[in-house]
Amino acid sequence: MSTPPPTLQQSSTATYSTAIQSLEGAQGKLILIAQDVQNEKAALATSYQGEDGQMFQQVLDQWLRGEDYIYRKCQDLIDALNTTMARSGKTQSGNVHLVTSQVNNPVYNTLMG
């Protein structure tokens, strides 16, 4: 496998960073919406106490559990992208070091004349 040129590596890092930022943005929006749902649920709890009110609160609770699940999945993706990006950077750095050390090797220089 050949080492990608530095511009490809930078592009790959930028792609990871963009994806992470998008997921973090989604998480922020999920938090805001969940807060709105919590506020609405609290307001309804005092004024909407019948059986239908309880059922509506169950729906809101179900939505909040779904929001929490999606939030955690976003975090899992962020963690995986960060790990992959770090490994990719280490691999790239190691490849550059290996190539540089071989190019600076006296045997290589003798062969290249």
PDB file of N, CA and C in Angstrom:
ATOM      1  N   MET A   1       0.852  -1.182   0.000  1.00  0.00           N
ATOM      2  CA  MET A   1       0.000   0.000   0.000  1.00  0.00           C
ATOM      3  C   MET A   1       0.887   1.231   0.000  1.00  0.00           C
ATOM      4  N   SER A   2       0.622   2.150  -0.856  1.00  0.00           N
ATOM      5  CA  SER A   2       1.442   3.346  -0.944  1.00  0.00           C
ATOM      6  C   SER A   2       0.955   4.405   0.038  1.00  0.00           C
ATOM      7  N   THR A   3       1.873   5.245   0.426  1.00  0.00           N
ATOM      8  CA  THR A   3       1.554   6.330   1.341  1.00  0.00           C
ATOM      9  C   THR A   3       0.915   7.462   0.550  1.00  0.00           C
ATOM     10  N   PRO A   4      -0.250   7.952   1.008  1.00  0.00           N
ATOM     11  CA  PRO A   4      -0.871   9.041   0.266  1.00  0.00           C
ATOM     12  C   PRO A   4      -0.047  10.318   0.394  1.00  0.00           C
ATOM     13  N   PRO A   5      -0.081  11.156  -0.629  1.00  0.00           N
ATOM     14  CA  PRO A   5       0.619  12.439  -0.523  1.00  0.00           C
ATOM     15  C   PRO A   5       0.083  13.233   0.670  1.00  0.00           C
ATOM     16  N   PRO A   6       0.900  14.156   1.201  1.00  0.00           N
ATOM     17  CA  PRO A   6       0.459  14.941   2.367  1.00  0.00           C
ATOM     18  C   PRO A   6      -0.896  15.612   2.171  1.00  0.00           C
ATOM     19  N   THR A   7      -1.187  16.044   0.955  1.00  0.00           N
ATOM     20  CA  THR A   7      -2.468  16.720   0.729  1.00  0.00           C
ATOM     21  C   THR A   7      -3.631  15.759   0.928  1.00  0.00           C
ATOM     22  N   LEU A   8      -3.462  14.477   0.557  1.00  0.00           N
ATOM     23  CA  LEU A   8      -4.522  13.498   0.792  1.00  0.00           C
ATOM     24  C   LEU A   8      -4.696  13.235   2.282  1.00  0.00           C
ATOM     25  N   GLN A   9      -3.570  13.163   3.005  1.00  0.00           N
ATOM     26  CA  GLN A   9      -3.648  12.948   4.448  1.00  0.00           C
ATOM     27  C   GLN A   9      -4.353  14.122   5.115  1.00  0.00           C
ATOM     28  N   GLN A  10      -4.022  15.339   4.692  1.00  0.00           N
ATOM     29  CA  GLN A  10      -4.668  16.517   5.256  1.00  0.00           C
ATOM     30  C   GLN A  10      -6.151  16.516   4.927  1.00  0.00           C
ATOM     31  N   SER A  11      -6.473  16.092   3.705  1.00  0.00           N
ATOM     32  CA  SER A  11      -7.864  16.013   3.286  1.00  0.00           C
ATOM     33  C   SER A  11      -8.616  14.998   4.135  1.00  0.00           C
ATOM     34  N   SER A  12      -7.967  13.867   4.405  1.00  0.00           N
ATOM     35  CA  SER A  12      -8.582  12.827   5.227  1.00  0.00           C
ATOM     36  C   SER A  12      -8.834  13.354   6.638  1.00  0.00           C
ATOM     37  N   THR A  13      -7.877  14.052   7.201  1.00  0.00           N
ATOM     38  CA  THR A  13      -8.033  14.638   8.527  1.00  0.00           C
ATOM     39  C   THR A  13      -9.161  15.663   8.531  1.00  0.00           C
ATOM     40  N   ALA A  14      -9.220  16.460   7.487  1.00  0.00           N
ATOM     41  CA  ALA A  14     -10.296  17.458   7.379  1.00  0.00           C
ATOM     42  C   ALA A  14     -11.654  16.775   7.286  1.00  0.00           C
ATOM     43  N   THR A  15     -11.720  15.662   6.574  1.00  0.00           N
ATOM     44  CA  THR A  15     -12.974  14.921   6.448  1.00  0.00           C
ATOM     45  C   THR A  15     -13.415  14.379   7.800  1.00  0.00           C
ATOM     46  N   TYR A  16     -12.464  13.785   8.521  1.00  0.00           N
ATOM     47  CA  TYR A  16     -12.786  13.300   9.875  1.00  0.00           C
ATOM     48  C   TYR A  16     -13.278  14.455  10.746  1.00  0.00           C
ATOM     49  N   SER A  17     -12.560  15.570  10.707  1.00  0.00           N
ATOM     50  CA  SER A  17     -12.918  16.718  11.543  1.00  0.00           C
ATOM     51  C   SER A  17     -14.303  17.249  11.197  1.00  0.00           C
ATOM     52  N   THR A  18     -14.609  17.314   9.911  1.00  0.00           N
ATOM     53  CA  THR A  18     -15.929  17.787   9.479  1.00  0.00           C
ATOM     54  C   THR A  18     -17.032  16.858   9.977  1.00  0.00           C
ATOM     55  N   ALA A  19     -16.802  15.565   9.861  1.00  0.00           N
ATOM     56  CA  ALA A  19     -17.797  14.587  10.330  1.00  0.00           C
ATOM     57  C   ALA A  19     -17.995  14.703  11.841  1.00  0.00           C
ATOM     58  N   ILE A  20     -16.919  14.857  12.569  1.00  0.00           N
ATOM     59  CA  ILE A  20     -17.001  14.993  14.034  1.00  0.00           C
ATOM     60  C   ILE A  20     -17.763  16.261  14.399  1.00  0.00           C
ATOM     61  N   GLN A  21     -17.462  17.358  13.725  1.00  0.00           N
ATOM     62  CA  GLN A  21     -18.163  18.614  14.000  1.00  0.00           C
ATOM     63  C   GLN A  21     -19.658  18.493  13.703  1.00  0.00           C
ATOM     64  N   SER A  22     -19.994  17.798  12.642  1.00  0.00           N
ATOM     65  CA  SER A  22     -21.412  17.603  12.300  1.00  0.00           C
ATOM     66  C   SER A  22     -22.127  16.793  13.375  1.00  0.00           C
ATOM     67  N   LEU A  23     -21.476  15.746  13.837  1.00  0.00           N
ATOM     68  CA  LEU A  23     -22.075  14.921  14.894  1.00  0.00           C
ATOM     69  C   LEU A  23     -22.211  15.706  16.202  1.00  0.00           C
ATOM     70  N   GLU A  24     -21.208  16.501  16.517  1.00  0.00           N
ATOM     71  CA  GLU A  24     -21.290  17.329  17.731  1.00  0.00           C
ATOM     72  C   GLU A  24     -22.405  18.358  17.601  1.00  0.00           C
ATOM     73  N   GLY A  25     -22.581  18.907  16.402  1.00  0.00           N
ATOM     74  CA  GLY A  25     -23.687  19.840  16.165  1.00  0.00           C
ATOM     75  C   GLY A  25     -25.031  19.159  16.357  1.00  0.00           C
ATOM     76  N   ALA A  26     -25.141  17.933  15.855  1.00  0.00           N
ATOM     77  CA  ALA A  26     -26.380  17.167  16.033  1.00  0.00           C
ATOM     78  C   ALA A  26     -26.644  16.908  17.505  1.00  0.00           C
ATOM     79  N   GLN A  27     -25.600  16.582  18.248  1.00  0.00           N
ATOM     80  CA  GLN A  27     -25.761  16.357  19.681  1.00  0.00           C
ATOM     81  C   GLN A  27     -26.261  17.624  20.380  1.00  0.00           C
ATOM     82  N   GLY A  28     -25.709  18.756  20.011  1.00  0.00           N
ATOM     83  CA  GLY A  28     -26.144  20.020  20.614  1.00  0.00           C
ATOM     84  C   GLY A  28     -27.619  20.282  20.352  1.00  0.00           C
ATOM     85  N   LYS A  29     -28.060  20.008  19.127  1.00  0.00           N
ATOM     86  CA  LYS A  29     -29.473  20.204  18.793  1.00  0.00           C
ATOM     87  C   LYS A  29     -30.355  19.216  19.545  1.00  0.00           C
ATOM     88  N   LEU A  30     -29.880  17.985  19.695  1.00  0.00           N
ATOM     89  CA  LEU A  30     -30.642  16.994  20.462  1.00  0.00           C
ATOM     90  C   LEU A  30     -30.827  17.442  21.908  1.00  0.00           C
ATOM     91  N   ILE A  31     -29.789  18.003  22.480  1.00  0.00           N
ATOM     92  CA  ILE A  31     -29.867  18.486  23.871  1.00  0.00           C
ATOM     93  C   ILE A  31     -30.903  19.604  23.982  1.00  0.00           C
ATOM     94  N   LEU A  32     -30.862  20.547  23.049  1.00  0.00           N
ATOM     95  CA  LEU A  32     -31.816  21.656  23.093  1.00  0.00           C
ATOM     96  C   LEU A  32     -33.260  21.167  22.961  1.00  0.00           C
ATOM     97  N   ILE A  33     -33.486  20.253  22.037  1.00  0.00           N
ATOM     98  CA  ILE A  33     -34.842  19.731  21.846  1.00  0.00           C
ATOM     99  C   ILE A  33     -35.279  18.925  23.063  1.00  0.00           C
ATOM    100  N   ALA A  34     -34.377  18.140  23.632  1.00  0.00           N
ATOM    101  CA  ALA A  34     -34.712  17.363  24.824  1.00  0.00           C
ATOM    102  C   ALA A  34     -35.083  18.291  25.989  1.00  0.00           C
ATOM    103  N   GLN A  35     -34.380  19.407  26.102  1.00  0.00           N
ATOM    104  CA  GLN A  35     -34.712  20.380  27.149  1.00  0.00           C
ATOM    105  C   GLN A  35     -36.104  20.959  26.925  1.00  0.00           C
ATOM    106  N   ASP A  36     -36.431  21.255  25.671  1.00  0.00           N
ATOM    107  CA  ASP A  36     -37.779  21.746  25.350  1.00  0.00           C
ATOM    108  C   ASP A  36     -38.837  20.710  25.719  1.00  0.00           C
ATOM    109  N   VAL A  37     -38.564  19.454  25.401  1.00  0.00           N
ATOM    110  CA  VAL A  37     -39.521  18.380  25.727  1.00  0.00           C
ATOM    111  C   VAL A  37     -39.666  18.251  27.241  1.00  0.00           C
ATOM    112  N   GLN A  38     -38.556  18.311  27.960  1.00  0.00           N
ATOM    113  CA  GLN A  38     -38.608  18.242  29.438  1.00  0.00           C
ATOM    114  C   GLN A  38     -39.428  19.396  30.009  1.00  0.00           C
ATOM    115  N   ASN A  39     -39.204  20.600  29.488  1.00  0.00           N
ATOM    116  CA  ASN A  39     -39.953  21.767  29.963  1.00  0.00           C
ATOM    117  C   ASN A  39     -41.446  21.610  29.679  1.00  0.00           C
ATOM    118  N   GLU A  40     -41.765  21.141  28.492  1.00  0.00           N
ATOM    119  CA  GLU A  40     -43.172  20.936  28.123  1.00  0.00           C
ATOM    120  C   GLU A  40     -43.805  19.855  29.001  1.00  0.00           C
ATOM    121  N   LYS A  41     -43.057  18.818  29.254  1.00  0.00           N
ATOM    122  CA  LYS A  41     -43.544  17.726  30.096  1.00  0.00           C
ATOM    123  C   LYS A  41     -43.830  18.230  31.516  1.00  0.00           C
ATOM    124  N   ALA A  42     -42.936  19.060  32.040  1.00  0.00           N
ATOM    125  CA  ALA A  42     -43.136  19.607  33.384  1.00  0.00           C
ATOM    126  C   ALA A  42     -44.359  20.519  33.430  1.00  0.00           C
ATOM    127  N   ALA A  43     -44.535  21.322  32.398  1.00  0.00           N
ATOM    128  CA  ALA A  43     -45.687  22.231  32.347  1.00  0.00           C
ATOM    129  C   ALA A  43     -46.993  21.438  32.244  1.00  0.00           C
ATOM    130  N   LEU A  44     -46.985  20.399  31.447  1.00  0.00           N
ATOM    131  CA  LEU A  44     -48.188  19.594  31.267  1.00  0.00           C
ATOM    132  C   LEU A  44     -48.517  18.748  32.496  1.00  0.00           C
ATOM    133  N   ALA A  45     -47.513  18.407  33.275  1.00  0.00           N
ATOM    134  CA  ALA A  45     -47.721  17.549  34.440  1.00  0.00           C
ATOM    135  C   ALA A  45     -48.677  18.189  35.445  1.00  0.00           C
ATOM    136  N   THR A  46     -48.634  19.499  35.556  1.00  0.00           N
ATOM    137  CA  THR A  46     -49.495  20.175  36.521  1.00  0.00           C
ATOM    138  C   THR A  46     -50.880  20.495  35.963  1.00  0.00           C
ATOM    139  N   SER A  47     -50.986  20.678  34.665  1.00  0.00           N
ATOM    140  CA  SER A  47     -52.269  21.113  34.121  1.00  0.00           C
ATOM    141  C   SER A  47     -52.996  20.052  33.291  1.00  0.00           C
ATOM    142  N   TYR A  48     -52.381  18.928  33.066  1.00  0.00           N
ATOM    143  CA  TYR A  48     -52.946  17.920  32.171  1.00  0.00           C
ATOM    144  C   TYR A  48     -52.806  16.570  32.856  1.00  0.00           C
ATOM    145  N   GLN A  49     -53.640  16.340  33.900  1.00  0.00           N
ATOM    146  CA  GLN A  49     -53.411  15.222  34.797  1.00  0.00           C
ATOM    147  C   GLN A  49     -54.298  14.006  34.562  1.00  0.00           C
ATOM    148  N   GLY A  50     -55.153  14.025  33.596  1.00  0.00           N
ATOM    149  CA  GLY A  50     -56.032  12.891  33.346  1.00  0.00           C
ATOM    150  C   GLY A  50     -55.286  11.723  32.728  1.00  0.00           C
ATOM    151  N   GLU A  51     -56.062  10.703  32.376  1.00  0.00           N
ATOM    152  CA  GLU A  51     -55.452   9.513  31.770  1.00  0.00           C
ATOM    153  C   GLU A  51     -54.755   9.862  30.460  1.00  0.00           C
ATOM    154  N   ASP A  52     -55.382  10.731  29.681  1.00  0.00           N
ATOM    155  CA  ASP A  52     -54.753  11.139  28.423  1.00  0.00           C
ATOM    156  C   ASP A  52     -53.474  11.920  28.675  1.00  0.00           C
ATOM    157  N   GLY A  53     -53.430  12.695  29.751  1.00  0.00           N
ATOM    158  CA  GLY A  53     -52.213  13.423  30.120  1.00  0.00           C
ATOM    159  C   GLY A  53     -51.090  12.469  30.492  1.00  0.00           C
ATOM    160  N   GLN A  54     -51.434  11.413  31.218  1.00  0.00           N
ATOM    161  CA  GLN A  54     -50.428  10.411  31.587  1.00  0.00           C
ATOM    162  C   GLN A  54     -49.902   9.690  30.338  1.00  0.00           C
ATOM    163  N   MET A  55     -50.812   9.400  29.422  1.00  0.00           N
ATOM    164  CA  MET A  55     -50.394   8.739  28.182  1.00  0.00           C
ATOM    165  C   MET A  55     -49.473   9.645  27.368  1.00  0.00           C
ATOM    166  N   PHE A  56     -49.806  10.940  27.355  1.00  0.00           N
ATOM    167  CA  PHE A  56     -48.967  11.886  26.627  1.00  0.00           C
ATOM    168  C   PHE A  56     -47.584  11.966  27.261  1.00  0.00           C
ATOM    169  N   GLN A  57     -47.529  11.938  28.592  1.00  0.00           N
ATOM    170  CA  GLN A  57     -46.229  11.963  29.264  1.00  0.00           C
ATOM    171  C   GLN A  57     -45.427  10.703  28.958  1.00  0.00           C
ATOM    172  N   GLN A  58     -46.111   9.578  28.813  1.00  0.00           N
ATOM    173  CA  GLN A  58     -45.414   8.342  28.440  1.00  0.00           C
ATOM    174  C   GLN A  58     -44.807   8.469  27.035  1.00  0.00           C
ATOM    175  N   VAL A  59     -45.544   9.119  26.152  1.00  0.00           N
ATOM    176  CA  VAL A  59     -45.015   9.354  24.802  1.00  0.00           C
ATOM    177  C   VAL A  59     -43.773  10.246  24.884  1.00  0.00           C
ATOM    178  N   LEU A  60     -43.830  11.285  25.709  1.00  0.00           N
ATOM    179  CA  LEU A  60     -42.673  12.174  25.858  1.00  0.00           C
ATOM    180  C   LEU A  60     -41.489  11.425  26.469  1.00  0.00           C
ATOM    181  N   ASP A  61     -41.767  10.565  27.441  1.00  0.00           N
ATOM    182  CA  ASP A  61     -40.695   9.759  28.041  1.00  0.00           C
ATOM    183  C   ASP A  61     -40.063   8.838  26.994  1.00  0.00           C
ATOM    184  N   GLN A  62     -40.902   8.247  26.162  1.00  0.00           N
ATOM    185  CA  GLN A  62     -40.395   7.383  25.100  1.00  0.00           C
ATOM    186  C   GLN A  62     -39.525   8.191  24.131  1.00  0.00           C
ATOM    187  N   TRP A  63     -39.970   9.393  23.792  1.00  0.00           N
ATOM    188  CA  TRP A  63     -39.185  10.238  22.911  1.00  0.00           C
ATOM    189  C   TRP A  63     -37.832  10.566  23.551  1.00  0.00           C
ATOM    190  N   LEU A  64     -37.839  10.870  24.848  1.00  0.00           N
ATOM    191  CA  LEU A  64     -36.595  11.214  25.537  1.00  0.00           C
ATOM    192  C   LEU A  64     -35.637  10.020  25.575  1.00  0.00           C
ATOM    193  N   ARG A  65     -36.163   8.823  25.726  1.00  0.00           N
ATOM    194  CA  ARG A  65     -35.301   7.633  25.676  1.00  0.00           C
ATOM    195  C   ARG A  65     -34.694   7.477  24.274  1.00  0.00           C
ATOM    196  N   GLY A  66     -35.502   7.738  23.262  1.00  0.00           N
ATOM    197  CA  GLY A  66     -34.991   7.689  21.893  1.00  0.00           C
ATOM    198  C   GLY A  66     -33.927   8.740  21.650  1.00  0.00           C
ATOM    199  N   GLU A  67     -34.148   9.921  22.170  1.00  0.00           N
ATOM    200  CA  GLU A  67     -33.162  11.008  22.039  1.00  0.00           C
ATOM    201  C   GLU A  67     -31.862  10.611  22.707  1.00  0.00           C
ATOM    202  N   ASP A  68     -31.955  10.010  23.891  1.00  0.00           N
ATOM    203  CA  ASP A  68     -30.761   9.579  24.615  1.00  0.00           C
ATOM    204  C   ASP A  68     -30.006   8.510  23.824  1.00  0.00           C
ATOM    205  N   TYR A  69     -30.731   7.596  23.222  1.00  0.00           N
ATOM    206  CA  TYR A  69     -30.120   6.537  22.412  1.00  0.00           C
ATOM    207  C   TYR A  69     -29.373   7.144  21.219  1.00  0.00           C
ATOM    208  N   ILE A  70     -30.013   8.068  20.519  1.00  0.00           N
ATOM    209  CA  ILE A  70     -29.388   8.704  19.360  1.00  0.00           C
ATOM    210  C   ILE A  70     -28.165   9.517  19.786  1.00  0.00           C
ATOM    211  N   TYR A  71     -28.287  10.220  20.915  1.00  0.00           N
ATOM    212  CA  TYR A  71     -27.170  11.009  21.439  1.00  0.00           C
ATOM    213  C   TYR A  71     -25.961  10.102  21.702  1.00  0.00           C
ATOM    214  N   ARG A  72     -26.220   8.957  22.362  1.00  0.00           N
ATOM    215  CA  ARG A  72     -25.127   8.024  22.666  1.00  0.00           C
ATOM    216  C   ARG A  72     -24.520   7.439  21.399  1.00  0.00           C
ATOM    217  N   LYS A  73     -25.343   7.159  20.391  1.00  0.00           N
ATOM    218  CA  LYS A  73     -24.826   6.639  19.120  1.00  0.00           C
ATOM    219  C   LYS A  73     -23.958   7.693  18.425  1.00  0.00           C
ATOM    220  N   CYS A  74     -24.365   8.941  18.494  1.00  0.00           N
ATOM    221  CA  CYS A  74     -23.529  10.030  17.950  1.00  0.00           C
ATOM    222  C   CYS A  74     -22.184  10.050  18.661  1.00  0.00           C
ATOM    223  N   GLN A  75     -22.205   9.901  19.992  1.00  0.00           N
ATOM    224  CA  GLN A  75     -20.959   9.915  20.759  1.00  0.00           C
ATOM    225  C   GLN A  75     -20.084   8.722  20.394  1.00  0.00           C
ATOM    226  N   ASP A  76     -20.703   7.564  20.207  1.00  0.00           N
ATOM    227  CA  ASP A  76     -19.943   6.384  19.778  1.00  0.00           C
ATOM    228  C   ASP A  76     -19.263   6.640  18.434  1.00  0.00           C
ATOM    229  N   LEU A  77     -19.981   7.267  17.504  1.00  0.00           N
ATOM    230  CA  LEU A  77     -19.404   7.591  16.196  1.00  0.00           C
ATOM    231  C   LEU A  77     -18.264   8.600  16.331  1.00  0.00           C
ATOM    232  N   ILE A  78     -18.454   9.605  17.180  1.00  0.00           N
ATOM    233  CA  ILE A  78     -17.400  10.601  17.407  1.00  0.00           C
ATOM    234  C   ILE A  78     -16.152   9.919  17.961  1.00  0.00           C
ATOM    235  N   ASP A  79     -16.346   9.053  18.944  1.00  0.00           N
ATOM    236  CA  ASP A  79     -15.206   8.343  19.535  1.00  0.00           C
ATOM    237  C   ASP A  79     -14.493   7.484  18.492  1.00  0.00           C
ATOM    238  N   ALA A  80     -15.271   6.774  17.666  1.00  0.00           N
ATOM    239  CA  ALA A  80     -14.676   5.926  16.626  1.00  0.00           C
ATOM    240  C   ALA A  80     -13.920   6.770  15.599  1.00  0.00           C
ATOM    241  N   LEU A  81     -14.484   7.897  15.198  1.00  0.00           N
ATOM    242  CA  LEU A  81     -13.802   8.768  14.236  1.00  0.00           C
ATOM    243  C   LEU A  81     -12.513   9.351  14.819  1.00  0.00           C
ATOM    244  N   ASN A  82     -12.566   9.757  16.089  1.00  0.00           N
ATOM    245  CA  ASN A  82     -11.356  10.278  16.734  1.00  0.00           C
ATOM    246  C   ASN A  82     -10.275   9.207  16.800  1.00  0.00           C
ATOM    247  N   THR A  83     -10.643   7.982  17.144  1.00  0.00           N
ATOM    248  CA  THR A  83      -9.682   6.882  17.213  1.00  0.00           C
ATOM    249  C   THR A  83      -9.092   6.595  15.840  1.00  0.00           C
ATOM    250  N   THR A  84      -9.947   6.528  14.835  1.00  0.00           N
ATOM    251  CA  THR A  84      -9.487   6.259  13.475  1.00  0.00           C
ATOM    252  C   THR A  84      -8.573   7.372  12.979  1.00  0.00           C
ATOM    253  N   MET A  85      -8.949   8.615  13.257  1.00  0.00           N
ATOM    254  CA  MET A  85      -8.136   9.743  12.828  1.00  0.00           C
ATOM    255  C   MET A  85      -6.759   9.699  13.504  1.00  0.00           C
ATOM    256  N   ALA A  86      -6.730   9.375  14.794  1.00  0.00           N
ATOM    257  CA  ALA A  86      -5.451   9.305  15.515  1.00  0.00           C
ATOM    258  C   ALA A  86      -4.586   8.178  14.952  1.00  0.00           C
ATOM    259  N   ARG A  87      -5.189   7.021  14.698  1.00  0.00           N
ATOM    260  CA  ARG A  87      -4.430   5.902  14.141  1.00  0.00           C
ATOM    261  C   ARG A  87      -3.912   6.241  12.744  1.00  0.00           C
ATOM    262  N   SER A  88      -4.735   6.876  11.960  1.00  0.00           N
ATOM    263  CA  SER A  88      -4.334   7.261  10.610  1.00  0.00           C
ATOM    264  C   SER A  88      -3.158   8.232  10.672  1.00  0.00           C
ATOM    265  N   GLY A  89      -3.215   9.175  11.593  1.00  0.00           N
ATOM    266  CA  GLY A  89      -2.118  10.136  11.753  1.00  0.00           C
ATOM    267  C   GLY A  89      -0.836   9.461  12.191  1.00  0.00           C
ATOM    268  N   LYS A  90      -0.937   8.498  13.109  1.00  0.00           N
ATOM    269  CA  LYS A  90       0.251   7.772  13.569  1.00  0.00           C
ATOM    270  C   LYS A  90       0.838   6.944  12.439  1.00  0.00           C
ATOM    271  N   THR A  91      -0.032   6.297  11.664  1.00  0.00           N
ATOM    272  CA  THR A  91       0.437   5.504  10.528  1.00  0.00           C
ATOM    273  C   THR A  91       1.150   6.392   9.524  1.00  0.00           C
ATOM    274  N   GLN A  92       0.549   7.530   9.221  1.00  0.00           N
ATOM    275  CA  GLN A  92       1.153   8.471   8.266  1.00  0.00           C
ATOM    276  C   GLN A  92       2.496   8.950   8.782  1.00  0.00           C
ATOM    277  N   SER A  93       2.554   9.304  10.046  1.00  0.00           N
ATOM    278  CA  SER A  93       3.795   9.788  10.635  1.00  0.00           C
ATOM    279  C   SER A  93       4.872   8.702  10.593  1.00  0.00           C
ATOM    280  N   GLY A  94       4.469   7.483  10.914  1.00  0.00           N
ATOM    281  CA  GLY A  94       5.415   6.362  10.867  1.00  0.00           C
ATOM    282  C   GLY A  94       5.916   6.100   9.461  1.00  0.00           C
ATOM    283  N   ASN A  95       5.027   6.193   8.482  1.00  0.00           N
ATOM    284  CA  ASN A  95       5.418   5.988   7.088  1.00  0.00           C
ATOM    285  C   ASN A  95       6.410   7.054   6.630  1.00  0.00           C
ATOM    286  N   VAL A  96       6.135   8.293   6.988  1.00  0.00           N
ATOM    287  CA  VAL A  96       7.035   9.386   6.610  1.00  0.00           C
ATOM    288  C   VAL A  96       8.408   9.173   7.245  1.00  0.00           C
ATOM    289  N   HIS A  97       8.429   8.786   8.514  1.00  0.00           N
ATOM    290  CA  HIS A  97       9.698   8.537   9.208  1.00  0.00           C
ATOM    291  C   HIS A  97      10.466   7.394   8.536  1.00  0.00           C
ATOM    292  N   LEU A  98       9.751   6.328   8.190  1.00  0.00           N
ATOM    293  CA  LEU A  98      10.384   5.179   7.548  1.00  0.00           C
ATOM    294  C   LEU A  98      10.978   5.558   6.199  1.00  0.00           C
ATOM    295  N   VAL A  99      10.224   6.252   5.394  1.00  0.00           N
ATOM    296  CA  VAL A  99      10.716   6.662   4.076  1.00  0.00           C
ATOM    297  C   VAL A  99      11.907   7.601   4.231  1.00  0.00           C
ATOM    298  N   THR A 100      11.806   8.565   5.126  1.00  0.00           N
ATOM    299  CA  THR A 100      12.896   9.518   5.344  1.00  0.00           C
ATOM    300  C   THR A 100      14.158   8.797   5.810  1.00  0.00           C
ATOM    301  N   SER A 101      14.015   7.853   6.711  1.00  0.00           N
ATOM    302  CA  SER A 101      15.193   7.137   7.205  1.00  0.00           C
ATOM    303  C   SER A 101      15.830   6.292   6.108  1.00  0.00           C
ATOM    304  N   GLN A 102      15.018   5.737   5.211  1.00  0.00           N
ATOM    305  CA  GLN A 102      15.568   4.941   4.108  1.00  0.00           C
ATOM    306  C   GLN A 102      16.245   5.818   3.064  1.00  0.00           C
ATOM    307  N   VAL A 103      15.664   6.963   2.781  1.00  0.00           N
ATOM    308  CA  VAL A 103      16.249   7.883   1.803  1.00  0.00           C
ATOM    309  C   VAL A 103      17.588   8.407   2.318  1.00  0.00           C
ATOM    310  N   ASN A 104      17.697   8.597   3.633  1.00  0.00           N
ATOM    311  CA  ASN A 104      18.936   9.097   4.233  1.00  0.00           C
ATOM    312  C   ASN A 104      19.923   7.968   4.537  1.00  0.00           C
ATOM    313  N   ASN A 105      19.600   6.749   4.183  1.00  0.00           N
ATOM    314  CA  ASN A 105      20.446   5.597   4.429  1.00  0.00           C
ATOM    315  C   ASN A 105      21.616   5.613   3.434  1.00  0.00           C
ATOM    316  N   PRO A 106      22.848   5.421   3.919  1.00  0.00           N
ATOM    317  CA  PRO A 106      24.016   5.443   3.018  1.00  0.00           C
ATOM    318  C   PRO A 106      23.915   4.396   1.894  1.00  0.00           C
ATOM    319  N   VAL A 107      23.360   3.239   2.182  1.00  0.00           N
ATOM    320  CA  VAL A 107      23.226   2.211   1.156  1.00  0.00           C
ATOM    321  C   VAL A 107      22.305   2.714   0.039  1.00  0.00           C
ATOM    322  N   TYR A 108      21.213   3.333   0.422  1.00  0.00           N
ATOM    323  CA  TYR A 108      20.273   3.884  -0.566  1.00  0.00           C
ATOM    324  C   TYR A 108      20.982   4.935  -1.411  1.00  0.00           C
ATOM    325  N   ASN A 109      21.729   5.802  -0.752  1.00  0.00           N
ATOM    326  CA  ASN A 109      22.435   6.867  -1.468  1.00  0.00           C
ATOM    327  C   ASN A 109      23.461   6.283  -2.451  1.00  0.00           C
ATOM    328  N   THR A 110      24.144   5.197  -2.038  1.00  0.00           N
ATOM    329  CA  THR A 110      25.119   4.555  -2.910  1.00  0.00           C
ATOM    330  C   THR A 110      24.418   3.934  -4.119  1.00  0.00           C
ATOM    331  N   LEU A 111      23.307   3.280  -3.879  1.00  0.00           N
ATOM    332  CA  LEU A 111      22.557   2.661  -4.971  1.00  0.00           C
ATOM    333  C   LEU A 111      22.017   3.708  -5.937  1.00  0.00           C
ATOM    334  N   MET A 112      21.601   4.826  -5.423  1.00  0.00           N
ATOM    335  CA  MET A 112      21.035   5.893  -6.262  1.00  0.00           C
ATOM    336  C   MET A 112      22.145   6.686  -6.976  1.00  0.00           C
ATOM    337  N   GLY A 113      23.386   6.491  -6.508  1.00  0.00           N
ATOM    338  CA  GLY A 113      24.563   7.060  -7.146  1.00  0.00           C
ATOM    339  C   GLY A 113      24.597   8.507  -7.194  1.00  0.00           C
TER     340      GLY A 113
END
